[in-house]
Amino acid sequence: MESAHSPAPRARDAAIRRLRRLTAGISGAAAGAAALLALVSAATVPGHQAASTAATTASGASAQVATTTSSSTPATAPSTTDTAPHAVSGGS
């Protein structure tokens, strides 16, 4: 016995096409979002510095070489404390 609410074959095929387009669109958007996230992460992860550049200027008989690096925070010397040295372990 056939159901009274079964969709026509053309309507069913149109719904399947819409569902495929929706699936492809969502997949493309997810891939684009993942690529964007990867680019943002790569740009903001610490540990990468711009390449050092050397500029050479000559004045008279002597030459001066200046190297510059791009860093967001200035380098600081380790601080000394009045506590006894101890080993730290752990972390995962």
C-alpha atoms as a PDB file:
ATOM      1  CA  MET A   1       0.000   0.000   0.000  1.00  0.00           C
ATOM      2  CA  GLU A   2       1.348   3.403  -0.988  1.00  0.00           C
ATOM      3  CA  SER A   3       1.445   6.336   1.430  1.00  0.00           C
ATOM      4  CA  ALA A   4      -0.653   9.381   0.643  1.00  0.00           C
ATOM      5  CA  HIS A   5       2.171  11.749   1.654  1.00  0.00           C
ATOM      6  CA  SER A   6       5.007  10.370  -0.510  1.00  0.00           C
ATOM      7  CA  PRO A   7       6.705  13.173  -2.452  1.00  0.00           C
ATOM      8  CA  ALA A   8       6.791  13.170  -6.197  1.00  0.00           C
ATOM      9  CA  PRO A   9      10.052  11.894  -7.688  1.00  0.00           C
ATOM     10  CA  ARG A  10      10.903  15.350  -9.071  1.00  0.00           C
ATOM     11  CA  ALA A  11      10.391  17.009  -5.687  1.00  0.00           C
ATOM     12  CA  ARG A  12      12.521  14.351  -4.009  1.00  0.00           C
ATOM     13  CA  ASP A  13      15.295  14.792  -6.601  1.00  0.00           C
ATOM     14  CA  ALA A  14      15.187  18.586  -6.149  1.00  0.00           C
ATOM     15  CA  ALA A  15      15.449  18.180  -2.374  1.00  0.00           C
ATOM     16  CA  ILE A  16      18.458  15.866  -2.778  1.00  0.00           C
ATOM     17  CA  ARG A  17      20.156  18.419  -5.081  1.00  0.00           C
ATOM     18  CA  ARG A  18      19.549  21.175  -2.507  1.00  0.00           C
ATOM     19  CA  LEU A  19      20.939  18.982   0.237  1.00  0.00           C
ATOM     20  CA  ARG A  20      24.063  18.213  -1.831  1.00  0.00           C
ATOM     21  CA  ARG A  21      24.621  21.916  -2.552  1.00  0.00           C
ATOM     22  CA  LEU A  22      24.145  22.737   1.128  1.00  0.00           C
ATOM     23  CA  THR A  23      26.605  20.001   2.137  1.00  0.00           C
ATOM     24  CA  ALA A  24      29.171  21.217  -0.396  1.00  0.00           C
ATOM     25  CA  GLY A  25      28.724  24.828   0.751  1.00  0.00           C
ATOM     26  CA  ILE A  26      29.156  23.949   4.409  1.00  0.00           C
ATOM     27  CA  SER A  27      32.227  21.839   3.589  1.00  0.00           C
ATOM     28  CA  GLY A  28      33.767  24.694   1.619  1.00  0.00           C
ATOM     29  CA  ALA A  29      33.034  27.191   4.383  1.00  0.00           C
ATOM     30  CA  ALA A  30      34.582  24.866   6.977  1.00  0.00           C
ATOM     31  CA  ALA A  31      37.721  24.421   4.859  1.00  0.00           C
ATOM     32  CA  GLY A  32      37.989  28.191   4.385  1.00  0.00           C
ATOM     33  CA  ALA A  33      37.541  28.807   8.104  1.00  0.00           C
ATOM     34  CA  ALA A  34      40.228  26.217   8.897  1.00  0.00           C
ATOM     35  CA  ALA A  35      42.627  27.867   6.446  1.00  0.00           C
ATOM     36  CA  LEU A  36      41.930  31.300   7.929  1.00  0.00           C
ATOM     37  CA  LEU A  37      42.465  29.972  11.444  1.00  0.00           C
ATOM     38  CA  ALA A  38      45.752  28.402  10.360  1.00  0.00           C
ATOM     39  CA  LEU A  39      46.954  31.697   8.859  1.00  0.00           C
ATOM     40  CA  VAL A  40      46.003  33.686  11.958  1.00  0.00           C
ATOM     41  CA  SER A  41      47.622  31.104  14.233  1.00  0.00           C
ATOM     42  CA  ALA A  42      50.824  31.057  12.209  1.00  0.00           C
ATOM     43  CA  ALA A  43      51.026  34.836  12.296  1.00  0.00           C
ATOM     44  CA  THR A  44      50.482  35.139  16.040  1.00  0.00           C
ATOM     45  CA  VAL A  45      52.409  32.182  17.471  1.00  0.00           C
ATOM     46  CA  PRO A  46      55.515  33.386  19.339  1.00  0.00           C
ATOM     47  CA  GLY A  47      58.917  31.988  18.514  1.00  0.00           C
ATOM     48  CA  HIS A  48      59.270  33.324  15.017  1.00  0.00           C
ATOM     49  CA  GLN A  49      61.308  36.450  14.392  1.00  0.00           C
ATOM     50  CA  ALA A  50      61.909  38.513  11.349  1.00  0.00           C
ATOM     51  CA  ALA A  51      65.245  37.857   9.704  1.00  0.00           C
ATOM     52  CA  SER A  52      68.157  39.911  10.974  1.00  0.00           C
ATOM     53  CA  THR A  53      69.424  42.506   8.589  1.00  0.00           C
ATOM     54  CA  ALA A  54      72.923  43.812   8.400  1.00  0.00           C
ATOM     55  CA  ALA A  55      73.568  47.338   7.295  1.00  0.00           C
ATOM     56  CA  THR A  56      77.087  48.284   6.435  1.00  0.00           C
ATOM     57  CA  THR A  57      78.206  51.872   6.359  1.00  0.00           C
ATOM     58  CA  ALA A  58      81.711  52.959   5.548  1.00  0.00           C
ATOM     59  CA  SER A  59      83.167  56.196   6.809  1.00  0.00           C
ATOM     60  CA  GLY A  60      86.773  56.835   5.923  1.00  0.00           C
ATOM     61  CA  ALA A  61      88.966  53.818   6.615  1.00  0.00           C
ATOM     62  CA  SER A  62      86.630  52.098   9.118  1.00  0.00           C
ATOM     63  CA  ALA A  63      83.428  50.233   8.439  1.00  0.00           C
ATOM     64  CA  GLN A  64      80.610  49.805  10.898  1.00  0.00           C
ATOM     65  CA  VAL A  65      78.226  46.853  10.779  1.00  0.00           C
ATOM     66  CA  ALA A  66      74.878  47.224  12.479  1.00  0.00           C
ATOM     67  CA  THR A  67      72.516  44.315  12.920  1.00  0.00           C
ATOM     68  CA  THR A  68      68.933  44.866  13.855  1.00  0.00           C
ATOM     69  CA  THR A  69      66.234  42.438  14.857  1.00  0.00           C
ATOM     70  CA  SER A  70      62.547  43.004  15.114  1.00  0.00           C
ATOM     71  CA  SER A  71      61.169  41.982  18.478  1.00  0.00           C
ATOM     72  CA  SER A  72      57.968  42.870  20.248  1.00  0.00           C
ATOM     73  CA  THR A  73      59.496  42.682  23.737  1.00  0.00           C
ATOM     74  CA  PRO A  74      62.922  43.883  24.808  1.00  0.00           C
ATOM     75  CA  ALA A  75      65.410  41.298  26.034  1.00  0.00           C
ATOM     76  CA  THR A  76      65.950  41.335  29.786  1.00  0.00           C
ATOM     77  CA  ALA A  77      68.686  39.755  31.868  1.00  0.00           C
ATOM     78  CA  PRO A  78      67.731  36.987  34.279  1.00  0.00           C
ATOM     79  CA  SER A  79      66.989  38.333  37.725  1.00  0.00           C
ATOM     80  CA  THR A  80      68.674  37.073  40.853  1.00  0.00           C
ATOM     81  CA  THR A  81      66.737  36.099  43.965  1.00  0.00           C
ATOM     82  CA  ASP A  82      67.649  35.459  47.578  1.00  0.00           C
ATOM     83  CA  THR A  83      66.124  31.972  47.645  1.00  0.00           C
ATOM     84  CA  ALA A  84      68.070  28.734  47.520  1.00  0.00           C
ATOM     85  CA  PRO A  85      68.247  27.004  44.151  1.00  0.00           C
ATOM     86  CA  HIS A  86      65.792  24.172  43.659  1.00  0.00           C
ATOM     87  CA  ALA A  87      64.750  21.800  40.906  1.00  0.00           C
ATOM     88  CA  VAL A  88      61.391  22.149  39.254  1.00  0.00           C
ATOM     89  CA  SER A  89      59.829  19.166  37.551  1.00  0.00           C
ATOM     90  CA  GLY A  90      56.476  18.234  36.199  1.00  0.00           C
ATOM     91  CA  GLY A  91      54.231  19.859  33.722  1.00  0.00           C
ATOM     92  CA  SER A  92      52.697  18.039  30.856  1.00  0.00           C
END
